[in-house]
Amino acid sequence: MDEIVFFNPGDSIGNFHDHNEAVKTAQIYKQKQEADKKVLVVHGTNNQSFDIFLADDAITHSNETSTDSKSNEKPYRVSDKL
C-alpha cells in the first residue's frame, strides 16, 4: 500500500529524474546533517521525478498552522525512508 504524504514543494531538498540518484543524494545529505532526522525520497507529483524532503516537513493536521500558508501543499508517494 502506498503511503501518501503532503509537502510544500518549496521545502524540497532536491529534485531528481533518477530514483537511485535521489536515494544516493539523500544518504549523503543525511550523513552531512543531523543523523537523527529522517529523510524521505518521494515520487513527485508529476510521477516523473523524485523529490527529497525531511520527514519533519510533512504537512499533517496537527502541524498545519493555517490554510493560507499551506496552500501550495501537494500529495507525494513515499518511495524510501532513510
C-alpha atoms as a PDB file:
ATOM      1  CA  MET A   1       0.000   0.000   0.000  1.00  0.00           C
ATOM      2  CA  ASP A   2       1.325   3.430  -0.944  1.00  0.00           C
ATOM      3  CA  GLU A   3       1.879   5.995   1.753  1.00  0.00           C
ATOM      4  CA  ILE A   4       0.692   9.423   0.617  1.00  0.00           C
ATOM      5  CA  VAL A   5       2.132  12.481   2.376  1.00  0.00           C
ATOM      6  CA  PHE A   6       1.793  16.204   1.753  1.00  0.00           C
ATOM      7  CA  PHE A   7       4.666  18.668   1.444  1.00  0.00           C
ATOM      8  CA  ASN A   8       5.133  22.235   0.372  1.00  0.00           C
ATOM      9  CA  PRO A   9       7.219  21.838  -2.832  1.00  0.00           C
ATOM     10  CA  GLY A  10       9.363  24.777  -1.704  1.00  0.00           C
ATOM     11  CA  ASP A  11      10.680  22.645   1.186  1.00  0.00           C
ATOM     12  CA  SER A  12      12.263  20.135  -1.211  1.00  0.00           C
ATOM     13  CA  ILE A  13      15.958  19.413  -0.646  1.00  0.00           C
ATOM     14  CA  GLY A  14      16.347  18.228  -4.232  1.00  0.00           C
ATOM     15  CA  ASN A  15      14.530  17.041  -7.345  1.00  0.00           C
ATOM     16  CA  PHE A  16      15.812  14.177  -9.495  1.00  0.00           C
ATOM     17  CA  HIS A  17      14.684  12.172 -12.522  1.00  0.00           C
ATOM     18  CA  ASP A  18      16.611   9.075 -11.425  1.00  0.00           C
ATOM     19  CA  HIS A  19      15.500   7.202  -8.287  1.00  0.00           C
ATOM     20  CA  ASN A  20      18.979   5.870  -7.492  1.00  0.00           C
ATOM     21  CA  GLU A  21      20.495   9.349  -7.740  1.00  0.00           C
ATOM     22  CA  ALA A  22      17.809  10.698  -5.385  1.00  0.00           C
ATOM     23  CA  VAL A  23      18.486   7.949  -2.810  1.00  0.00           C
ATOM     24  CA  LYS A  24      22.256   8.485  -3.029  1.00  0.00           C
ATOM     25  CA  THR A  25      21.880  12.238  -2.559  1.00  0.00           C
ATOM     26  CA  ALA A  26      19.508  11.705   0.380  1.00  0.00           C
ATOM     27  CA  GLN A  27      22.036   9.403   2.046  1.00  0.00           C
ATOM     28  CA  ILE A  28      24.820  11.960   1.579  1.00  0.00           C
ATOM     29  CA  TYR A  29      22.588  14.738   2.902  1.00  0.00           C
ATOM     30  CA  LYS A  30      21.694  12.683   5.956  1.00  0.00           C
ATOM     31  CA  GLN A  31      25.367  11.955   6.695  1.00  0.00           C
ATOM     32  CA  LYS A  32      26.286  15.639   6.472  1.00  0.00           C
ATOM     33  CA  GLN A  33      23.322  16.814   8.539  1.00  0.00           C
ATOM     34  CA  GLU A  34      21.880  15.602  11.817  1.00  0.00           C
ATOM     35  CA  ALA A  35      21.791  11.806  11.699  1.00  0.00           C
ATOM     36  CA  ASP A  36      18.641  11.568  13.846  1.00  0.00           C
ATOM     37  CA  LYS A  37      16.478  13.340  11.244  1.00  0.00           C
ATOM     38  CA  LYS A  38      14.573  11.121   8.828  1.00  0.00           C
ATOM     39  CA  VAL A  39      14.888  11.872   5.137  1.00  0.00           C
ATOM     40  CA  LEU A  40      12.221  10.787   2.656  1.00  0.00           C
ATOM     41  CA  VAL A  41      12.594  10.139  -1.052  1.00  0.00           C
ATOM     42  CA  VAL A  42       9.171  10.623  -2.584  1.00  0.00           C
ATOM     43  CA  HIS A  43       7.731  10.095  -6.036  1.00  0.00           C
ATOM     44  CA  GLY A  44       6.974  13.557  -7.389  1.00  0.00           C
ATOM     45  CA  THR A  45       3.517  14.926  -8.002  1.00  0.00           C
ATOM     46  CA  ASN A  46       4.051  14.636 -11.749  1.00  0.00           C
ATOM     47  CA  ASN A  47       5.025  10.923 -11.367  1.00  0.00           C
ATOM     48  CA  GLN A  48       8.132  11.592 -13.472  1.00  0.00           C
ATOM     49  CA  SER A  49      10.579  12.718 -10.802  1.00  0.00           C
ATOM     50  CA  PHE A  50      11.703  12.067  -7.253  1.00  0.00           C
ATOM     51  CA  ASP A  51      11.972  14.676  -4.512  1.00  0.00           C
ATOM     52  CA  ILE A  52      13.835  14.626  -1.201  1.00  0.00           C
ATOM     53  CA  PHE A  53      12.218  16.035   1.935  1.00  0.00           C
ATOM     54  CA  LEU A  54      12.877  15.948   5.664  1.00  0.00           C
ATOM     55  CA  ALA A  55      10.189  13.834   7.318  1.00  0.00           C
ATOM     56  CA  ASP A  56       9.603  16.672   9.804  1.00  0.00           C
ATOM     57  CA  ASP A  57       8.428  18.891   6.920  1.00  0.00           C
ATOM     58  CA  ALA A  58       5.406  16.688   6.199  1.00  0.00           C
ATOM     59  CA  ILE A  59       2.143  18.601   6.455  1.00  0.00           C
ATOM     60  CA  THR A  60      -0.352  16.985   8.799  1.00  0.00           C
ATOM     61  CA  HIS A  61      -3.491  18.222  10.509  1.00  0.00           C
ATOM     62  CA  SER A  62      -1.580  18.519  13.776  1.00  0.00           C
ATOM     63  CA  ASN A  63       1.141  20.846  12.435  1.00  0.00           C
ATOM     64  CA  GLU A  64      -0.971  22.803   9.958  1.00  0.00           C
ATOM     65  CA  THR A  65      -0.955  26.453  11.020  1.00  0.00           C
ATOM     66  CA  SER A  66      -3.444  27.881   8.569  1.00  0.00           C
ATOM     67  CA  THR A  67      -4.889  27.035   5.191  1.00  0.00           C
ATOM     68  CA  ASP A  68      -3.434  30.232   3.695  1.00  0.00           C
ATOM     69  CA  SER A  69       0.220  29.407   4.413  1.00  0.00           C
ATOM     70  CA  LYS A  70      -0.085  25.785   3.251  1.00  0.00           C
ATOM     71  CA  SER A  71      -1.962  26.457   0.024  1.00  0.00           C
ATOM     72  CA  ASN A  72       0.950  25.082  -2.029  1.00  0.00           C
ATOM     73  CA  GLU A  73       0.827  21.617  -0.459  1.00  0.00           C
ATOM     74  CA  LYS A  74       0.862  18.688  -2.868  1.00  0.00           C
ATOM     75  CA  PRO A  75       0.479  14.929  -2.413  1.00  0.00           C
ATOM     76  CA  TYR A  76       3.604  12.766  -2.731  1.00  0.00           C
ATOM     77  CA  ARG A  77       4.011   8.976  -2.617  1.00  0.00           C
ATOM     78  CA  VAL A  78       6.808   7.806  -0.302  1.00  0.00           C
ATOM     79  CA  SER A  79       9.442   5.794  -2.134  1.00  0.00           C
ATOM     80  CA  ASP A  80      12.167   5.389   0.538  1.00  0.00           C
ATOM     81  CA  LYS A  81      12.661   6.338   4.178  1.00  0.00           C
ATOM     82  CA  LEU A  82      16.255   6.955   5.236  1.00  0.00           C
END
